[in-house]
C-alpha atoms as a PDB file:
ATOM      1  CA  MET A   1       8.329 -17.956  10.020  1.00  0.00           C
ATOM      2  CA  THR A   2       5.331 -15.074  10.353  1.00  0.00           C
ATOM      3  CA  GLN A   3       3.541 -14.494   7.111  1.00  0.00           C
ATOM      4  CA  PRO A   4       4.003 -11.152   5.188  1.00  0.00           C
ATOM      5  CA  THR A   5       0.844  -8.908   5.528  1.00  0.00           C
ATOM      6  CA  ILE A   6      -0.433  -7.585   2.242  1.00  0.00           C
ATOM      7  CA  TYR A   7      -2.522  -4.295   2.551  1.00  0.00           C
ATOM      8  CA  GLY A   8      -4.959  -3.373   0.094  1.00  0.00           C
ATOM      9  CA  LEU A   9      -8.613  -2.888  -1.212  1.00  0.00           C
ATOM     10  CA  PRO A  10     -10.662  -6.048  -1.834  1.00  0.00           C
ATOM     11  CA  ASN A  11     -12.209  -4.774  -5.017  1.00  0.00           C
ATOM     12  CA  CYS A  12      -8.703  -3.569  -6.230  1.00  0.00           C
ATOM     13  CA  ASP A  13      -7.655  -5.022  -9.612  1.00  0.00           C
ATOM     14  CA  THR A  14      -4.310  -4.953  -8.819  1.00  0.00           C
ATOM     15  CA  CYS A  15      -4.613  -6.534  -5.488  1.00  0.00           C
ATOM     16  CA  LYS A  16      -6.835  -9.083  -7.004  1.00  0.00           C
ATOM     17  CA  LYS A  17      -3.626 -10.098  -9.267  1.00  0.00           C
ATOM     18  CA  ALA A  18      -1.124  -9.958  -6.445  1.00  0.00           C
ATOM     19  CA  ARG A  19      -3.596 -12.388  -4.135  1.00  0.00           C
ATOM     20  CA  ASN A  20      -3.903 -14.755  -7.205  1.00  0.00           C
ATOM     21  CA  TRP A  21      -0.271 -14.854  -7.553  1.00  0.00           C
ATOM     22  CA  LEU A  22       0.456 -15.518  -4.174  1.00  0.00           C
ATOM     23  CA  ALA A  23      -2.059 -18.265  -4.023  1.00  0.00           C
ATOM     24  CA  ARG A  24      -0.609 -19.439  -7.375  1.00  0.00           C
ATOM     25  CA  PHE A  25       2.770 -19.869  -5.838  1.00  0.00           C
ATOM     26  CA  GLU A  26       1.350 -21.047  -2.436  1.00  0.00           C
ATOM     27  CA  VAL A  27       2.654 -18.042  -0.591  1.00  0.00           C
ATOM     28  CA  GLU A  28       0.845 -17.755   2.670  1.00  0.00           C
ATOM     29  CA  HIS A  29       0.273 -14.122   3.692  1.00  0.00           C
ATOM     30  CA  VAL A  30      -2.412 -12.325   5.556  1.00  0.00           C
ATOM     31  CA  PHE A  31      -4.421  -9.822   3.691  1.00  0.00           C
ATOM     32  CA  VAL A  32      -5.741  -6.550   5.405  1.00  0.00           C
ATOM     33  CA  ASP A  33      -8.229  -4.328   3.964  1.00  0.00           C
ATOM     34  CA  TYR A  34      -7.214  -0.920   4.787  1.00  0.00           C
ATOM     35  CA  ARG A  35     -10.433   0.751   4.352  1.00  0.00           C
ATOM     36  CA  ALA A  36     -12.330  -1.865   6.651  1.00  0.00           C
ATOM     37  CA  ASN A  37      -8.932  -1.914   8.979  1.00  0.00           C
ATOM     38  CA  PRO A  38      -7.503   1.766   8.835  1.00  0.00           C
ATOM     39  CA  VAL A  39      -3.651   1.972   8.930  1.00  0.00           C
ATOM     40  CA  PRO A  40      -2.306   3.825  12.039  1.00  0.00           C
ATOM     41  CA  ALA A  41      -0.373   7.281  11.057  1.00  0.00           C
ATOM     42  CA  ALA A  42       2.599   6.034  12.685  1.00  0.00           C
ATOM     43  CA  THR A  43       2.593   3.187  10.225  1.00  0.00           C
ATOM     44  CA  LEU A  44       1.596   5.044   7.205  1.00  0.00           C
ATOM     45  CA  LYS A  45       4.532   7.455   7.972  1.00  0.00           C
ATOM     46  CA  LEU A  46       6.966   4.504   8.360  1.00  0.00           C
ATOM     47  CA  TRP A  47       6.126   3.354   5.321  1.00  0.00           C
ATOM     48  CA  ALA A  48       6.633   6.562   3.330  1.00  0.00           C
ATOM     49  CA  GLN A  49       9.923   6.956   5.093  1.00  0.00           C
ATOM     50  CA  GLN A  50      11.272   3.204   3.882  1.00  0.00           C
ATOM     51  CA  LEU A  51       9.534   4.037   0.382  1.00  0.00           C
ATOM     52  CA  GLY A  52      11.561   7.303  -0.005  1.00  0.00           C
ATOM     53  CA  GLY A  53       8.742   9.752   0.730  1.00  0.00           C
ATOM     54  CA  TRP A  54       5.093  10.375   0.550  1.00  0.00           C
ATOM     55  CA  GLU A  55       5.025  10.990  -3.475  1.00  0.00           C
ATOM     56  CA  LYS A  56       6.254   7.035  -3.420  1.00  0.00           C
ATOM     57  CA  LEU A  57       3.153   5.848  -1.177  1.00  0.00           C
ATOM     58  CA  VAL A  58       0.360   7.749  -2.834  1.00  0.00           C
ATOM     59  CA  ASN A  59      -1.174   6.998  -6.015  1.00  0.00           C
ATOM     60  CA  LYS A  60      -1.375  10.434  -8.045  1.00  0.00           C
ATOM     61  CA  ALA A  61      -2.570   8.469 -11.303  1.00  0.00           C
ATOM     62  CA  GLY A  62      -6.237   7.443 -10.000  1.00  0.00           C
ATOM     63  CA  THR A  63      -9.196   9.195  -9.878  1.00  0.00           C
ATOM     64  CA  THR A  64      -9.438   9.464  -6.176  1.00  0.00           C
ATOM     65  CA  TRP A  65      -6.448  11.988  -6.748  1.00  0.00           C
ATOM     66  CA  ARG A  66      -7.856  13.685  -9.507  1.00  0.00           C
ATOM     67  CA  ASN A  67     -11.082  14.491  -7.639  1.00  0.00           C
ATOM     68  CA  LEU A  68      -9.249  16.223  -4.694  1.00  0.00           C
ATOM     69  CA  LEU A  69      -9.337  19.711  -4.422  1.00  0.00           C
ATOM     70  CA  PRO A  70      -6.413  21.569  -5.914  1.00  0.00           C
ATOM     71  CA  GLN A  71      -5.414  22.521  -2.075  1.00  0.00           C
ATOM     72  CA  ARG A  72      -5.637  19.089  -0.789  1.00  0.00           C
ATOM     73  CA  LYS A  73      -2.785  18.014  -3.540  1.00  0.00           C
ATOM     74  CA  ASN A  74       0.057  19.994  -1.319  1.00  0.00           C
ATOM     75  CA  PRO A  75       0.276  18.387   2.061  1.00  0.00           C
ATOM     76  CA  GLY A  76       3.062  19.883   3.863  1.00  0.00           C
ATOM     77  CA  SER A  77       3.463  17.882   6.687  1.00  0.00           C
ATOM     78  CA  ASP A  78       3.546  14.166   7.849  1.00  0.00           C
ATOM     79  CA  PRO A  79       0.506  15.024   9.822  1.00  0.00           C
ATOM     80  CA  GLU A  80      -1.417  16.679   6.534  1.00  0.00           C
ATOM     81  CA  TRP A  81      -0.243  13.262   4.692  1.00  0.00           C
ATOM     82  CA  THR A  82      -1.479  11.053   7.153  1.00  0.00           C
ATOM     83  CA  LEU A  83      -4.941  12.873   7.793  1.00  0.00           C
ATOM     84  CA  LEU A  84      -5.374  12.810   3.827  1.00  0.00           C
ATOM     85  CA  LEU A  85      -4.906   9.379   3.687  1.00  0.00           C
ATOM     86  CA  LYS A  86      -6.919   8.548   6.940  1.00  0.00           C
ATOM     87  CA  GLU A  87      -9.726  10.377   5.083  1.00  0.00           C
ATOM     88  CA  TYR A  88      -9.115   8.920   1.256  1.00  0.00           C
ATOM     89  CA  PRO A  89      -7.588   5.234   1.984  1.00  0.00           C
ATOM     90  CA  ALA A  90      -7.537   4.652  -1.663  1.00  0.00           C
ATOM     91  CA  LEU A  91      -4.844   7.364  -2.217  1.00  0.00           C
ATOM     92  CA  ILE A  92      -2.298   4.521  -0.961  1.00  0.00           C
ATOM     93  CA  ARG A  93      -0.597   2.769  -3.844  1.00  0.00           C
ATOM     94  CA  ARG A  94      -1.853  -1.125  -3.643  1.00  0.00           C
ATOM     95  CA  PRO A  95      -0.993  -3.393  -2.757  1.00  0.00           C
ATOM     96  CA  VAL A  96       1.182  -2.620   0.279  1.00  0.00           C
ATOM     97  CA  VAL A  97       3.283  -5.509   1.094  1.00  0.00           C
ATOM     98  CA  ALA A  98       4.895  -5.514   4.928  1.00  0.00           C
ATOM     99  CA  LYS A  99       7.028  -8.339   5.297  1.00  0.00           C
ATOM    100  CA  THR A 100       8.033 -10.133   8.254  1.00  0.00           C
ATOM    101  CA  ASP A 101      11.796  -8.410   8.280  1.00  0.00           C
ATOM    102  CA  GLY A 102      10.235  -4.737   8.170  1.00  0.00           C
ATOM    103  CA  THR A 103      10.656  -4.189   4.752  1.00  0.00           C
ATOM    104  CA  VAL A 104       8.086  -2.973   2.704  1.00  0.00           C
ATOM    105  CA  SER A 105       6.942  -2.312  -0.853  1.00  0.00           C
ATOM    106  CA  VAL A 106       4.176  -1.062  -3.053  1.00  0.00           C
ATOM    107  CA  GLY A 107       2.507  -2.445  -6.280  1.00  0.00           C
ATOM    108  CA  PHE A 108       2.481  -5.463  -7.963  1.00  0.00           C
ATOM    109  CA  THR A 109       4.536  -6.930 -11.078  1.00  0.00           C
ATOM    110  CA  ASP A 110       5.164 -10.953 -11.501  1.00  0.00           C
ATOM    111  CA  ASN A 111       9.058 -10.188 -11.717  1.00  0.00           C
ATOM    112  CA  GLY A 112       8.770  -8.097  -8.451  1.00  0.00           C
ATOM    113  CA  PHE A 113       6.855 -10.394  -6.381  1.00  0.00           C
ATOM    114  CA  LYS A 114       9.371 -13.231  -7.765  1.00  0.00           C
ATOM    115  CA  LYS A 115      11.806 -11.175  -5.957  1.00  0.00           C
ATOM    116  CA  LEU A 116      10.278 -10.456  -2.989  1.00  0.00           C
ATOM    117  CA  PHE A 117       8.875 -14.200  -2.566  1.00  0.00           C
ATOM    118  CA  LEU A 118      10.825 -16.558  -4.142  1.00  0.00           C
ATOM    119  CA  PRO A 119      14.184 -18.101  -3.402  1.00  0.00           C
END
């Protein structure tokens, strides 16, 4: 079985919690720092579609979003969203979990990860 891929930022507290949880439950995975290894636009679009829209993929509670110019906060198309996320990867909710079956989820909670990874 291929390992799930966890996308995030190495210094993000939520990503650290998620990775510690995976280590504790011995869930093998691949971690991708999406600032160092940008996610292709087509993949971002696919994630947004699977999650139910860009609003579900973008973290609007963080300082990166709050510091954006007002005119940048209303992308009107997929290319505008992908350009924004390419320019500001910290806007992507963390962590993004891409399972081997193609499903994608965002965020970390103990119960959420139990449902994702434990039988």
